[in-house]
ModelCIF file with pLDDT and N, C-alpha, C, O atoms, coordinates in Angstrom:
data_MODEL
#
_entry.id   MODEL 
#
_entity.id                         1 
_entity.type                       polymer 
_entity.pdbx_number_of_molecules   1 
#
_entity_poly.entity_id                      1 
_entity_poly.type                           'polypeptide(L)' 
_entity_poly.nstd_linkage                   no 
_entity_poly.nstd_monomer                   no 
_entity_poly.pdbx_seq_one_letter_code       
;(UNK)(UNK)(UNK)(UNK)(UNK)(UNK)(UNK)(UNK)(UNK)(UNK)(UNK)(UNK)(UNK)(UNK)(UNK)(UNK)
(UNK)(UNK)(UNK)(UNK)(UNK)(UNK)(UNK)(UNK)(UNK)(UNK)(UNK)(UNK)(UNK)(UNK)(UNK)(UNK)
(UNK)(UNK)(UNK)(UNK)(UNK)(UNK)(UNK)(UNK)(UNK)(UNK)
;
_entity_poly.pdbx_seq_one_letter_code_can   XXXXXXXXXXXXXXXXXXXXXXXXXXXXXXXXXXXXXXXXXX 
_entity_poly.pdbx_strand_id                 A 
#
loop_
_entity_poly_seq.entity_id 
_entity_poly_seq.num 
_entity_poly_seq.mon_id 
_entity_poly_seq.hetero 
1 1  UNK n 
1 2  UNK n 
1 3  UNK n 
1 4  UNK n 
1 5  UNK n 
1 6  UNK n 
1 7  UNK n 
1 8  UNK n 
1 9  UNK n 
1 10 UNK n 
1 11 UNK n 
1 12 UNK n 
1 13 UNK n 
1 14 UNK n 
1 15 UNK n 
1 16 UNK n 
1 17 UNK n 
1 18 UNK n 
1 19 UNK n 
1 20 UNK n 
1 21 UNK n 
1 22 UNK n 
1 23 UNK n 
1 24 UNK n 
1 25 UNK n 
1 26 UNK n 
1 27 UNK n 
1 28 UNK n 
1 29 UNK n 
1 30 UNK n 
1 31 UNK n 
1 32 UNK n 
1 33 UNK n 
1 34 UNK n 
1 35 UNK n 
1 36 UNK n 
1 37 UNK n 
1 38 UNK n 
1 39 UNK n 
1 40 UNK n 
1 41 UNK n 
1 42 UNK n 
#
_struct_asym.id          A 
_struct_asym.entity_id   1 
#
loop_
_ma_qa_metric.id 
_ma_qa_metric.mode 
_ma_qa_metric.name 
_ma_qa_metric.software_group_id 
_ma_qa_metric.type 
1 global pLDDT . pLDDT 
2 local  pLDDT . pLDDT 
#
_ma_qa_metric_global.metric_id      1 
_ma_qa_metric_global.metric_value   87.98 
_ma_qa_metric_global.model_id       1 
_ma_qa_metric_global.ordinal_id     1 
#
loop_
_ma_qa_metric_local.label_asym_id 
_ma_qa_metric_local.label_comp_id 
_ma_qa_metric_local.label_seq_id 
_ma_qa_metric_local.metric_id 
_ma_qa_metric_local.metric_value 
_ma_qa_metric_local.model_id 
_ma_qa_metric_local.ordinal_id 
A UNK 1  2 63.00 1 1  
A UNK 2  2 63.00 1 2  
A UNK 3  2 71.00 1 3  
A UNK 4  2 80.00 1 4  
A UNK 5  2 86.00 1 5  
A UNK 6  2 91.00 1 6  
A UNK 7  2 92.00 1 7  
A UNK 8  2 92.00 1 8  
A UNK 9  2 88.00 1 9  
A UNK 10 2 90.00 1 10 
A UNK 11 2 89.00 1 11 
A UNK 12 2 88.00 1 12 
A UNK 13 2 87.00 1 13 
A UNK 14 2 87.00 1 14 
A UNK 15 2 84.00 1 15 
A UNK 16 2 81.00 1 16 
A UNK 17 2 87.00 1 17 
A UNK 18 2 91.00 1 18 
A UNK 19 2 93.00 1 19 
A UNK 20 2 94.00 1 20 
A UNK 21 2 93.00 1 21 
A UNK 22 2 93.00 1 22 
A UNK 23 2 93.00 1 23 
A UNK 24 2 93.00 1 24 
A UNK 25 2 92.00 1 25 
A UNK 26 2 91.00 1 26 
A UNK 27 2 90.00 1 27 
A UNK 28 2 87.00 1 28 
A UNK 29 2 89.00 1 29 
A UNK 30 2 87.00 1 30 
A UNK 31 2 92.00 1 31 
A UNK 32 2 92.00 1 32 
A UNK 33 2 90.00 1 33 
A UNK 34 2 92.00 1 34 
A UNK 35 2 90.00 1 35 
A UNK 36 2 90.00 1 36 
A UNK 37 2 90.00 1 37 
A UNK 38 2 91.00 1 38 
A UNK 39 2 91.00 1 39 
A UNK 40 2 91.00 1 40 
A UNK 41 2 90.00 1 41 
A UNK 42 2 91.00 1 42 
#
loop_
_atom_site.group_PDB 
_atom_site.id 
_atom_site.type_symbol 
_atom_site.label_atom_id 
_atom_site.label_alt_id 
_atom_site.label_comp_id 
_atom_site.label_asym_id 
_atom_site.label_entity_id 
_atom_site.label_seq_id 
_atom_site.pdbx_PDB_ins_code 
_atom_site.Cartn_x 
_atom_site.Cartn_y 
_atom_site.Cartn_z 
_atom_site.occupancy 
_atom_site.B_iso_or_equiv 
_atom_site.pdbx_formal_charge 
_atom_site.auth_seq_id 
_atom_site.auth_comp_id 
_atom_site.auth_asym_id 
_atom_site.auth_atom_id 
_atom_site.pdbx_PDB_model_num 
ATOM 1   N N  . UNK A 1 1  ? 113.880 97.178  119.163 1.00 63.00 ? 1  UNK A N  1 
ATOM 2   C CA . UNK A 1 1  ? 114.102 95.807  119.601 1.00 63.00 ? 1  UNK A CA 1 
ATOM 3   C C  . UNK A 1 1  ? 115.480 95.641  120.232 1.00 63.00 ? 1  UNK A C  1 
ATOM 4   O O  . UNK A 1 1  ? 115.624 94.920  121.220 1.00 63.00 ? 1  UNK A O  1 
ATOM 5   N N  . UNK A 1 2  ? 116.494 96.302  119.672 1.00 63.00 ? 2  UNK A N  1 
ATOM 6   C CA . UNK A 1 2  ? 117.842 96.149  120.182 1.00 63.00 ? 2  UNK A CA 1 
ATOM 7   C C  . UNK A 1 2  ? 118.160 97.120  121.321 1.00 63.00 ? 2  UNK A C  1 
ATOM 8   O O  . UNK A 1 2  ? 118.996 96.830  122.177 1.00 63.00 ? 2  UNK A O  1 
ATOM 9   N N  . UNK A 1 3  ? 117.488 98.274  121.324 1.00 71.00 ? 3  UNK A N  1 
ATOM 10  C CA . UNK A 1 3  ? 117.762 99.267  122.359 1.00 71.00 ? 3  UNK A CA 1 
ATOM 11  C C  . UNK A 1 3  ? 116.428 99.748  122.925 1.00 71.00 ? 3  UNK A C  1 
ATOM 12  O O  . UNK A 1 3  ? 115.882 100.750 122.464 1.00 71.00 ? 3  UNK A O  1 
ATOM 13  N N  . UNK A 1 4  ? 115.906 99.039  123.920 1.00 80.00 ? 4  UNK A N  1 
ATOM 14  C CA . UNK A 1 4  ? 114.610 99.359  124.485 1.00 80.00 ? 4  UNK A CA 1 
ATOM 15  C C  . UNK A 1 4  ? 114.710 100.591 125.376 1.00 80.00 ? 4  UNK A C  1 
ATOM 16  O O  . UNK A 1 4  ? 115.727 100.827 126.028 1.00 80.00 ? 4  UNK A O  1 
ATOM 17  N N  . UNK A 1 5  ? 113.622 101.376 125.389 1.00 86.00 ? 5  UNK A N  1 
ATOM 18  C CA . UNK A 1 5  ? 113.559 102.542 126.260 1.00 86.00 ? 5  UNK A CA 1 
ATOM 19  C C  . UNK A 1 5  ? 113.483 102.093 127.724 1.00 86.00 ? 5  UNK A C  1 
ATOM 20  O O  . UNK A 1 5  ? 112.899 101.057 128.040 1.00 86.00 ? 5  UNK A O  1 
ATOM 21  N N  . UNK A 1 6  ? 114.079 102.889 128.599 1.00 91.00 ? 6  UNK A N  1 
ATOM 22  C CA . UNK A 1 6  ? 114.044 102.593 130.023 1.00 91.00 ? 6  UNK A CA 1 
ATOM 23  C C  . UNK A 1 6  ? 112.736 103.110 130.601 1.00 91.00 ? 6  UNK A C  1 
ATOM 24  O O  . UNK A 1 6  ? 112.524 104.319 130.694 1.00 91.00 ? 6  UNK A O  1 
ATOM 25  N N  . UNK A 1 7  ? 111.860 102.191 130.989 1.00 92.00 ? 7  UNK A N  1 
ATOM 26  C CA . UNK A 1 7  ? 110.540 102.534 131.512 1.00 92.00 ? 7  UNK A CA 1 
ATOM 27  C C  . UNK A 1 7  ? 110.304 101.775 132.809 1.00 92.00 ? 7  UNK A C  1 
ATOM 28  O O  . UNK A 1 7  ? 110.949 100.761 133.075 1.00 92.00 ? 7  UNK A O  1 
ATOM 29  N N  . UNK A 1 8  ? 109.367 102.279 133.616 1.00 92.00 ? 8  UNK A N  1 
ATOM 30  C CA . UNK A 1 8  ? 108.983 101.611 134.852 1.00 92.00 ? 8  UNK A CA 1 
ATOM 31  C C  . UNK A 1 8  ? 107.492 101.831 135.091 1.00 92.00 ? 8  UNK A C  1 
ATOM 32  O O  . UNK A 1 8  ? 106.916 102.819 134.633 1.00 92.00 ? 8  UNK A O  1 
ATOM 33  N N  . UNK A 1 9  ? 106.884 100.908 135.805 1.00 88.00 ? 9  UNK A N  1 
ATOM 34  C CA . UNK A 1 9  ? 105.481 101.092 136.171 1.00 88.00 ? 9  UNK A CA 1 
ATOM 35  C C  . UNK A 1 9  ? 105.372 101.240 137.680 1.00 88.00 ? 9  UNK A C  1 
ATOM 36  O O  . UNK A 1 9  ? 106.015 100.519 138.442 1.00 88.00 ? 9  UNK A O  1 
ATOM 37  N N  . UNK A 1 10 ? 104.547 102.188 138.090 1.00 90.00 ? 10 UNK A N  1 
ATOM 38  C CA . UNK A 1 10 ? 104.304 102.432 139.512 1.00 90.00 ? 10 UNK A CA 1 
ATOM 39  C C  . UNK A 1 10 ? 102.931 103.092 139.658 1.00 90.00 ? 10 UNK A C  1 
ATOM 40  O O  . UNK A 1 10 ? 102.220 103.282 138.672 1.00 90.00 ? 10 UNK A O  1 
ATOM 41  N N  . UNK A 1 11 ? 102.572 103.432 140.866 1.00 89.00 ? 11 UNK A N  1 
ATOM 42  C CA . UNK A 1 11 ? 101.251 103.995 141.133 1.00 89.00 ? 11 UNK A CA 1 
ATOM 43  C C  . UNK A 1 11 ? 101.075 105.326 140.391 1.00 89.00 ? 11 UNK A C  1 
ATOM 44  O O  . UNK A 1 11 ? 101.976 106.164 140.346 1.00 89.00 ? 11 UNK A O  1 
ATOM 45  N N  . UNK A 1 12 ? 99.882  105.486 139.814 1.00 88.00 ? 12 UNK A N  1 
ATOM 46  C CA . UNK A 1 12 ? 99.590  106.677 139.024 1.00 88.00 ? 12 UNK A CA 1 
ATOM 47  C C  . UNK A 1 12 ? 98.465  107.470 139.668 1.00 88.00 ? 12 UNK A C  1 
ATOM 48  O O  . UNK A 1 12 ? 97.575  106.905 140.304 1.00 88.00 ? 12 UNK A O  1 
ATOM 49  N N  . UNK A 1 13 ? 98.514  108.806 139.495 1.00 87.00 ? 13 UNK A N  1 
ATOM 50  C CA . UNK A 1 13 ? 97.440  109.648 140.010 1.00 87.00 ? 13 UNK A CA 1 
ATOM 51  C C  . UNK A 1 13 ? 96.212  109.614 139.093 1.00 87.00 ? 13 UNK A C  1 
ATOM 52  O O  . UNK A 1 13 ? 95.134  110.069 139.476 1.00 87.00 ? 13 UNK A O  1 
ATOM 53  N N  . UNK A 1 14 ? 96.383  109.067 137.868 1.00 87.00 ? 14 UNK A N  1 
ATOM 54  C CA . UNK A 1 14 ? 95.250  108.974 136.942 1.00 87.00 ? 14 UNK A CA 1 
ATOM 55  C C  . UNK A 1 14 ? 94.379  107.773 137.286 1.00 87.00 ? 14 UNK A C  1 
ATOM 56  O O  . UNK A 1 14 ? 93.183  107.912 137.544 1.00 87.00 ? 14 UNK A O  1 
ATOM 57  N N  . UNK A 1 15 ? 95.002  106.574 137.286 1.00 84.00 ? 15 UNK A N  1 
ATOM 58  C CA . UNK A 1 15 ? 94.237  105.365 137.604 1.00 84.00 ? 15 UNK A CA 1 
ATOM 59  C C  . UNK A 1 15 ? 95.194  104.234 137.946 1.00 84.00 ? 15 UNK A C  1 
ATOM 60  O O  . UNK A 1 15 ? 96.007  103.830 137.115 1.00 84.00 ? 15 UNK A O  1 
ATOM 61  N N  . UNK A 1 16 ? 95.099  103.729 139.151 1.00 81.00 ? 16 UNK A N  1 
ATOM 62  C CA . UNK A 1 16 ? 95.810  102.525 139.575 1.00 81.00 ? 16 UNK A CA 1 
ATOM 63  C C  . UNK A 1 16 ? 97.297  102.586 139.208 1.00 81.00 ? 16 UNK A C  1 
ATOM 64  O O  . UNK A 1 16 ? 98.038  103.410 139.745 1.00 81.00 ? 16 UNK A O  1 
ATOM 65  N N  . UNK A 1 17 ? 97.734  101.705 138.284 1.00 87.00 ? 17 UNK A N  1 
ATOM 66  C CA . UNK A 1 17 ? 99.126  101.679 137.860 1.00 87.00 ? 17 UNK A CA 1 
ATOM 67  C C  . UNK A 1 17 ? 99.321  102.480 136.585 1.00 87.00 ? 17 UNK A C  1 
ATOM 68  O O  . UNK A 1 17 ? 98.396  102.635 135.787 1.00 87.00 ? 17 UNK A O  1 
ATOM 69  N N  . UNK A 1 18 ? 100.548 102.992 136.398 1.00 91.00 ? 18 UNK A N  1 
ATOM 70  C CA . UNK A 1 18 ? 100.877 103.743 135.191 1.00 91.00 ? 18 UNK A CA 1 
ATOM 71  C C  . UNK A 1 18 ? 102.300 103.468 134.761 1.00 91.00 ? 18 UNK A C  1 
ATOM 72  O O  . UNK A 1 18 ? 103.094 102.912 135.520 1.00 91.00 ? 18 UNK A O  1 
ATOM 73  N N  . UNK A 1 19 ? 102.620 103.863 133.531 1.00 93.00 ? 19 UNK A N  1 
ATOM 74  C CA . UNK A 1 19 ? 103.958 103.668 132.973 1.00 93.00 ? 19 UNK A CA 1 
ATOM 75  C C  . UNK A 1 19 ? 104.684 105.006 132.939 1.00 93.00 ? 19 UNK A C  1 
ATOM 76  O O  . UNK A 1 19 ? 104.135 106.006 132.476 1.00 93.00 ? 19 UNK A O  1 
ATOM 77  N N  . UNK A 1 20 ? 105.922 105.020 133.432 1.00 94.00 ? 20 UNK A N  1 
ATOM 78  C CA . UNK A 1 20 ? 106.686 106.259 133.551 1.00 94.00 ? 20 UNK A CA 1 
ATOM 79  C C  . UNK A 1 20 ? 108.041 106.105 132.843 1.00 94.00 ? 20 UNK A C  1 
ATOM 80  O O  . UNK A 1 20 ? 108.600 105.010 132.773 1.00 94.00 ? 20 UNK A O  1 
ATOM 81  N N  . UNK A 1 21 ? 108.549 107.218 132.328 1.00 93.00 ? 21 UNK A N  1 
ATOM 82  C CA . UNK A 1 21 ? 109.829 107.226 131.625 1.00 93.00 ? 21 UNK A CA 1 
ATOM 83  C C  . UNK A 1 21 ? 110.970 107.347 132.625 1.00 93.00 ? 21 UNK A C  1 
ATOM 84  O O  . UNK A 1 21 ? 110.911 108.157 133.550 1.00 93.00 ? 21 UNK A O  1 
ATOM 85  N N  . UNK A 1 22 ? 112.000 106.543 132.435 1.00 93.00 ? 22 UNK A N  1 
ATOM 86  C CA . UNK A 1 22 ? 113.191 106.608 133.279 1.00 93.00 ? 22 UNK A CA 1 
ATOM 87  C C  . UNK A 1 22 ? 114.353 107.297 132.566 1.00 93.00 ? 22 UNK A C  1 
ATOM 88  O O  . UNK A 1 22 ? 115.454 107.384 133.109 1.00 93.00 ? 22 UNK A O  1 
ATOM 89  N N  . UNK A 1 23 ? 114.106 107.786 131.353 1.00 93.00 ? 23 UNK A N  1 
ATOM 90  C CA . UNK A 1 23 ? 115.102 108.515 130.576 1.00 93.00 ? 23 UNK A CA 1 
ATOM 91  C C  . UNK A 1 23 ? 114.380 109.505 129.685 1.00 93.00 ? 23 UNK A C  1 
ATOM 92  O O  . UNK A 1 23 ? 113.213 109.282 129.364 1.00 93.00 ? 23 UNK A O  1 
ATOM 93  N N  . UNK A 1 24 ? 115.020 110.590 129.269 1.00 93.00 ? 24 UNK A N  1 
ATOM 94  C CA . UNK A 1 24 ? 114.366 111.537 128.350 1.00 93.00 ? 24 UNK A CA 1 
ATOM 95  C C  . UNK A 1 24 ? 114.077 110.869 127.010 1.00 93.00 ? 24 UNK A C  1 
ATOM 96  O O  . UNK A 1 24 ? 114.921 110.157 126.465 1.00 93.00 ? 24 UNK A O  1 
ATOM 97  N N  . UNK A 1 25 ? 112.889 111.105 126.493 1.00 92.00 ? 25 UNK A N  1 
ATOM 98  C CA . UNK A 1 25 ? 112.463 110.547 125.208 1.00 92.00 ? 25 UNK A CA 1 
ATOM 99  C C  . UNK A 1 25 ? 112.136 111.700 124.284 1.00 92.00 ? 25 UNK A C  1 
ATOM 100 O O  . UNK A 1 25 ? 111.313 112.552 124.618 1.00 92.00 ? 25 UNK A O  1 
ATOM 101 N N  . UNK A 1 26 ? 112.773 111.736 123.124 1.00 91.00 ? 26 UNK A N  1 
ATOM 102 C CA . UNK A 1 26 ? 112.539 112.805 122.160 1.00 91.00 ? 26 UNK A CA 1 
ATOM 103 C C  . UNK A 1 26 ? 111.202 112.612 121.464 1.00 91.00 ? 26 UNK A C  1 
ATOM 104 O O  . UNK A 1 26 ? 110.598 111.543 121.547 1.00 91.00 ? 26 UNK A O  1 
ATOM 105 N N  . UNK A 1 27 ? 110.746 113.650 120.780 1.00 90.00 ? 27 UNK A N  1 
ATOM 106 C CA . UNK A 1 27 ? 109.482 113.580 120.051 1.00 90.00 ? 27 UNK A CA 1 
ATOM 107 C C  . UNK A 1 27 ? 109.610 112.652 118.852 1.00 90.00 ? 27 UNK A C  1 
ATOM 108 O O  . UNK A 1 27 ? 110.686 112.511 118.271 1.00 90.00 ? 27 UNK A O  1 
ATOM 109 N N  . UNK A 1 28 ? 108.497 112.021 118.490 1.00 87.00 ? 28 UNK A N  1 
ATOM 110 C CA . UNK A 1 28 ? 108.411 111.129 117.337 1.00 87.00 ? 28 UNK A CA 1 
ATOM 111 C C  . UNK A 1 28 ? 109.369 109.943 117.469 1.00 87.00 ? 28 UNK A C  1 
ATOM 112 O O  . UNK A 1 28 ? 110.031 109.551 116.508 1.00 87.00 ? 28 UNK A O  1 
ATOM 113 N N  . UNK A 1 29 ? 109.428 109.383 118.676 1.00 89.00 ? 29 UNK A N  1 
ATOM 114 C CA . UNK A 1 29 ? 110.241 108.197 118.918 1.00 89.00 ? 29 UNK A CA 1 
ATOM 115 C C  . UNK A 1 29 ? 109.335 107.038 119.305 1.00 89.00 ? 29 UNK A C  1 
ATOM 116 O O  . UNK A 1 29 ? 108.283 107.233 119.913 1.00 89.00 ? 29 UNK A O  1 
ATOM 117 N N  . UNK A 1 30 ? 109.759 105.817 118.943 1.00 87.00 ? 30 UNK A N  1 
ATOM 118 C CA . UNK A 1 30 ? 109.041 104.644 119.396 1.00 87.00 ? 30 UNK A CA 1 
ATOM 119 C C  . UNK A 1 30 ? 109.344 104.420 120.874 1.00 87.00 ? 30 UNK A C  1 
ATOM 120 O O  . UNK A 1 30 ? 110.504 104.333 121.275 1.00 87.00 ? 30 UNK A O  1 
ATOM 121 N N  . UNK A 1 31 ? 108.293 104.327 121.673 1.00 92.00 ? 31 UNK A N  1 
ATOM 122 C CA . UNK A 1 31 ? 108.468 104.178 123.113 1.00 92.00 ? 31 UNK A CA 1 
ATOM 123 C C  . UNK A 1 31 ? 108.430 102.711 123.515 1.00 92.00 ? 31 UNK A C  1 
ATOM 124 O O  . UNK A 1 31 ? 109.331 102.226 124.199 1.00 92.00 ? 31 UNK A O  1 
ATOM 125 N N  . UNK A 1 32 ? 107.379 102.002 123.086 1.00 92.00 ? 32 UNK A N  1 
ATOM 126 C CA . UNK A 1 32 ? 107.212 100.596 123.460 1.00 92.00 ? 32 UNK A CA 1 
ATOM 127 C C  . UNK A 1 32 ? 106.187 99.960  122.530 1.00 92.00 ? 32 UNK A C  1 
ATOM 128 O O  . UNK A 1 32 ? 105.299 100.634 122.008 1.00 92.00 ? 32 UNK A O  1 
ATOM 129 N N  . UNK A 1 33 ? 106.322 98.671  122.334 1.00 90.00 ? 33 UNK A N  1 
ATOM 130 C CA . UNK A 1 33 ? 105.349 97.918  121.542 1.00 90.00 ? 33 UNK A CA 1 
ATOM 131 C C  . UNK A 1 33 ? 104.284 97.340  122.464 1.00 90.00 ? 33 UNK A C  1 
ATOM 132 O O  . UNK A 1 33 ? 104.584 96.867  123.561 1.00 90.00 ? 33 UNK A O  1 
ATOM 133 N N  . UNK A 1 34 ? 103.033 97.383  122.005 1.00 92.00 ? 34 UNK A N  1 
ATOM 134 C CA . UNK A 1 34 ? 101.936 96.798  122.774 1.00 92.00 ? 34 UNK A CA 1 
ATOM 135 C C  . UNK A 1 34 ? 101.904 95.299  122.461 1.00 92.00 ? 34 UNK A C  1 
ATOM 136 O O  . UNK A 1 34 ? 101.502 94.888  121.372 1.00 92.00 ? 34 UNK A O  1 
ATOM 137 N N  . UNK A 1 35 ? 102.334 94.494  123.433 1.00 90.00 ? 35 UNK A N  1 
ATOM 138 C CA . UNK A 1 35 ? 102.500 93.059  123.221 1.00 90.00 ? 35 UNK A CA 1 
ATOM 139 C C  . UNK A 1 35 ? 101.360 92.307  123.891 1.00 90.00 ? 35 UNK A C  1 
ATOM 140 O O  . UNK A 1 35 ? 100.915 92.672  124.979 1.00 90.00 ? 35 UNK A O  1 
ATOM 141 N N  . UNK A 1 36 ? 100.892 91.254  123.231 1.00 90.00 ? 36 UNK A N  1 
ATOM 142 C CA . UNK A 1 36 ? 99.845  90.408  123.777 1.00 90.00 ? 36 UNK A CA 1 
ATOM 143 C C  . UNK A 1 36 ? 99.510  89.290  122.811 1.00 90.00 ? 36 UNK A C  1 
ATOM 144 O O  . UNK A 1 36 ? 100.255 89.027  121.867 1.00 90.00 ? 36 UNK A O  1 
ATOM 145 N N  . UNK A 1 37 ? 98.385  88.632  123.052 1.00 90.00 ? 37 UNK A N  1 
ATOM 146 C CA . UNK A 1 37 ? 97.917  87.555  122.187 1.00 90.00 ? 37 UNK A CA 1 
ATOM 147 C C  . UNK A 1 37 ? 97.032  88.119  121.084 1.00 90.00 ? 37 UNK A C  1 
ATOM 148 O O  . UNK A 1 37 ? 96.141  88.925  121.351 1.00 90.00 ? 37 UNK A O  1 
ATOM 149 N N  . UNK A 1 38 ? 97.275  87.698  119.843 1.00 91.00 ? 38 UNK A N  1 
ATOM 150 C CA . UNK A 1 38 ? 96.422  88.082  118.723 1.00 91.00 ? 38 UNK A CA 1 
ATOM 151 C C  . UNK A 1 38 ? 95.217  87.153  118.677 1.00 91.00 ? 38 UNK A C  1 
ATOM 152 O O  . UNK A 1 38 ? 95.357  85.949  118.463 1.00 91.00 ? 38 UNK A O  1 
ATOM 153 N N  . UNK A 1 39 ? 94.041  87.720  118.878 1.00 91.00 ? 39 UNK A N  1 
ATOM 154 C CA . UNK A 1 39 ? 92.809  86.916  118.891 1.00 91.00 ? 39 UNK A CA 1 
ATOM 155 C C  . UNK A 1 39 ? 91.778  87.541  117.968 1.00 91.00 ? 39 UNK A C  1 
ATOM 156 O O  . UNK A 1 39 ? 91.901  88.702  117.576 1.00 91.00 ? 39 UNK A O  1 
ATOM 157 N N  . UNK A 1 40 ? 90.755  86.756  117.622 1.00 91.00 ? 40 UNK A N  1 
ATOM 158 C CA . UNK A 1 40 ? 89.666  87.241  116.777 1.00 91.00 ? 40 UNK A CA 1 
ATOM 159 C C  . UNK A 1 40 ? 88.581  87.903  117.631 1.00 91.00 ? 40 UNK A C  1 
ATOM 160 O O  . UNK A 1 40 ? 88.588  87.802  118.858 1.00 91.00 ? 40 UNK A O  1 
ATOM 161 N N  . UNK A 1 41 ? 87.660  88.575  116.961 1.00 90.00 ? 41 UNK A N  1 
ATOM 162 C CA . UNK A 1 41 ? 86.609  89.306  117.658 1.00 90.00 ? 41 UNK A CA 1 
ATOM 163 C C  . UNK A 1 41 ? 85.742  88.369  118.493 1.00 90.00 ? 41 UNK A C  1 
ATOM 164 O O  . UNK A 1 41 ? 85.338  88.709  119.605 1.00 90.00 ? 41 UNK A O  1 
ATOM 165 N N  . UNK A 1 42 ? 85.459  87.184  117.948 1.00 91.00 ? 42 UNK A N  1 
ATOM 166 C CA . UNK A 1 42 ? 84.608  86.223  118.679 1.00 91.00 ? 42 UNK A CA 1 
ATOM 167 C C  . UNK A 1 42 ? 85.280  85.809  119.979 1.00 91.00 ? 42 UNK A C  1 
ATOM 168 O O  . UNK A 1 42 ? 84.726  85.010  120.733 1.00 91.00 ? 42 UNK A O  1 
#
């Protein structure tokens, strides 16, 4: 939360847009939180 990883999104060869690292990230590190609206199944 206090020190977010440097990331960017641009065109990907896998599908449409993708997320890319702008700095080296070590193993077993938190990269980013998946943020959105919490909703029910219905």
